[in-house]
Amino acid sequence: MKLKNVLIVTKDIEASRKYYHDLFGLEMILDNDGNMILTEGLVLQDERIWKSFLDRDVVPENNACELYFEESNIEEFVEKLERLYPSTKYVNRLMTHSWGQRVVRFYDLDGNLIEVGTPM
């Protein structure tokens, strides 16, 4: 068995597509009317579709999982994040763990947790 994709829920799929392109360079592979597959296996799904499948509310900022990216020039990434999305809500600003890895954690436009760290 192989993990194929990771799906996150979004209120505005086009705004999220732009966000993930602007910050991480992800490109759209397929737009399937409320389900959008991006490169690297990330799938965006319109919140209305997700709610209709589950018959439950979406809980933003639930802190139950995160998307993890690596970036060797993390200072440049943080500058880009602050320039393009100045209203970003941070969990922690750029910090260094005891093992030397530098990381920043924040929420995307829909409250999905993201971590960007330097390669280990």
Protein backbone atom coordinates (compact mmCIF):
# COMPACT_ATOMS: atom_id res chain seq x y z
CA MET A 1 0.00 0.00 0.00
CA LYS A 2 1.14 3.54 -0.74
CA LEU A 3 0.05 6.87 0.74
CA LYS A 4 -1.04 8.83 -2.29
CA ASN A 5 -2.26 12.24 -1.08
CA VAL A 6 -2.95 14.43 1.91
CA LEU A 7 -6.23 16.37 1.80
CA ILE A 8 -6.95 19.64 3.57
CA VAL A 9 -10.20 21.57 3.69
CA THR A 10 -10.48 25.12 2.40
CA LYS A 11 -13.17 27.80 2.36
CA ASP A 12 -11.79 29.40 -0.82
CA ILE A 13 -10.04 26.84 -3.00
CA GLU A 14 -8.62 29.41 -5.42
CA ALA A 15 -7.14 31.53 -2.61
CA SER A 16 -5.59 28.37 -1.14
CA ARG A 17 -4.20 27.32 -4.52
CA LYS A 18 -2.53 30.72 -4.81
CA TYR A 19 -1.24 30.55 -1.21
CA TYR A 20 0.43 27.17 -1.69
CA HIS A 21 1.86 28.28 -5.03
CA ASP A 22 3.15 31.60 -3.68
CA LEU A 23 4.84 30.12 -0.62
CA PHE A 24 5.80 26.57 -1.60
CA GLY A 25 5.79 26.58 -5.40
CA LEU A 26 3.09 23.90 -5.63
CA GLU A 27 1.38 23.68 -9.00
CA MET A 28 -2.13 22.53 -9.81
CA ILE A 29 -2.27 19.11 -11.47
CA LEU A 30 -6.04 18.66 -11.60
CA ASP A 31 -9.05 20.85 -10.82
CA ASN A 32 -12.04 18.61 -10.31
CA ASP A 33 -14.77 21.06 -9.28
CA GLY A 34 -14.09 21.47 -5.58
CA ASN A 35 -11.23 18.97 -5.39
CA MET A 36 -7.87 20.27 -6.53
CA ILE A 37 -4.73 18.16 -6.66
CA LEU A 38 -1.44 20.03 -6.33
CA THR A 39 2.09 18.79 -6.85
CA GLU A 40 3.74 16.99 -3.92
CA GLY A 41 0.47 15.18 -3.20
CA LEU A 42 -1.47 17.98 -1.53
CA VAL A 43 -5.21 17.98 -2.24
CA LEU A 44 -7.45 20.97 -1.53
CA GLN A 45 -11.12 20.27 -1.00
CA ASP A 46 -13.93 22.78 -0.80
CA GLU A 47 -15.35 22.92 2.72
CA ARG A 48 -18.93 22.43 1.49
CA ILE A 49 -18.01 19.09 -0.11
CA TRP A 50 -16.15 17.95 3.00
CA LYS A 51 -19.07 18.86 5.27
CA SER A 52 -21.54 17.03 3.03
CA PHE A 53 -19.42 13.84 3.17
CA LEU A 54 -18.88 13.91 6.92
CA ASP A 55 -22.01 15.69 8.08
CA ARG A 56 -19.83 17.41 10.70
CA ASP A 57 -18.32 20.85 11.20
CA VAL A 58 -14.76 21.65 10.18
CA VAL A 59 -12.59 22.66 13.15
CA PRO A 60 -9.84 25.08 12.09
CA GLU A 61 -6.69 25.35 14.20
CA ASN A 62 -7.39 21.96 15.76
CA ASN A 63 -3.65 21.24 16.07
CA ALA A 64 -4.19 17.53 15.38
CA CYS A 65 -1.78 17.40 12.43
CA GLU A 66 0.50 19.61 10.36
CA LEU A 67 1.94 19.92 6.90
CA TYR A 68 5.74 19.80 7.13
CA PHE A 69 8.04 21.41 4.57
CA GLU A 70 11.82 21.76 4.53
CA GLU A 71 13.68 24.85 3.36
CA SER A 72 17.42 25.39 3.64
CA ASN A 73 17.13 29.20 3.34
CA ILE A 74 14.53 29.57 6.07
CA GLU A 75 15.20 33.27 6.70
CA GLU A 76 14.34 34.04 3.08
CA PHE A 77 11.19 31.91 3.38
CA VAL A 78 10.06 33.78 6.53
CA GLU A 79 10.67 37.12 4.79
CA LYS A 80 8.53 35.96 1.85
CA LEU A 81 5.78 34.72 4.20
CA GLU A 82 5.70 38.05 6.05
CA ARG A 83 5.77 40.06 2.81
CA LEU A 84 3.07 38.09 0.97
CA TYR A 85 0.85 37.16 3.92
CA PRO A 86 1.44 39.73 6.68
CA SER A 87 -1.64 38.69 8.67
CA THR A 88 -0.28 35.14 9.19
CA LYS A 89 -1.13 33.68 12.60
CA TYR A 90 1.98 32.07 14.09
CA VAL A 91 2.23 29.19 16.53
CA ASN A 92 5.91 30.03 16.90
CA ARG A 93 8.05 32.43 14.97
CA LEU A 94 11.43 31.32 13.69
CA MET A 95 13.20 29.42 16.47
CA THR A 96 16.02 26.94 16.91
CA HIS A 97 15.42 23.56 18.55
CA SER A 98 18.01 22.12 20.96
CA TRP A 99 19.19 19.77 18.17
CA GLY A 100 19.96 22.73 15.90
CA GLN A 101 17.03 22.64 13.48
CA ARG A 102 15.42 26.02 12.78
CA VAL A 103 11.63 25.99 12.39
CA VAL A 104 8.62 28.25 12.06
CA ARG A 105 5.00 27.13 12.62
CA PHE A 106 1.91 28.97 11.45
CA TYR A 107 -1.63 28.48 10.16
CA ASP A 108 -2.62 28.72 6.52
CA LEU A 109 -5.64 30.74 5.37
CA ASP A 110 -8.02 28.06 6.71
CA GLY A 111 -6.35 27.22 10.01
CA ASN A 112 -4.34 24.22 8.80
CA LEU A 113 -1.07 23.99 10.74
CA ILE A 114 2.17 24.26 8.75
CA GLU A 115 5.73 23.76 9.89
CA VAL A 116 8.73 24.80 7.81
CA GLY A 117 12.09 23.59 9.03
CA THR A 118 15.66 23.43 7.87
CA PRO A 119 16.73 20.02 6.53
CA MET A 120 18.07 17.59 9.09
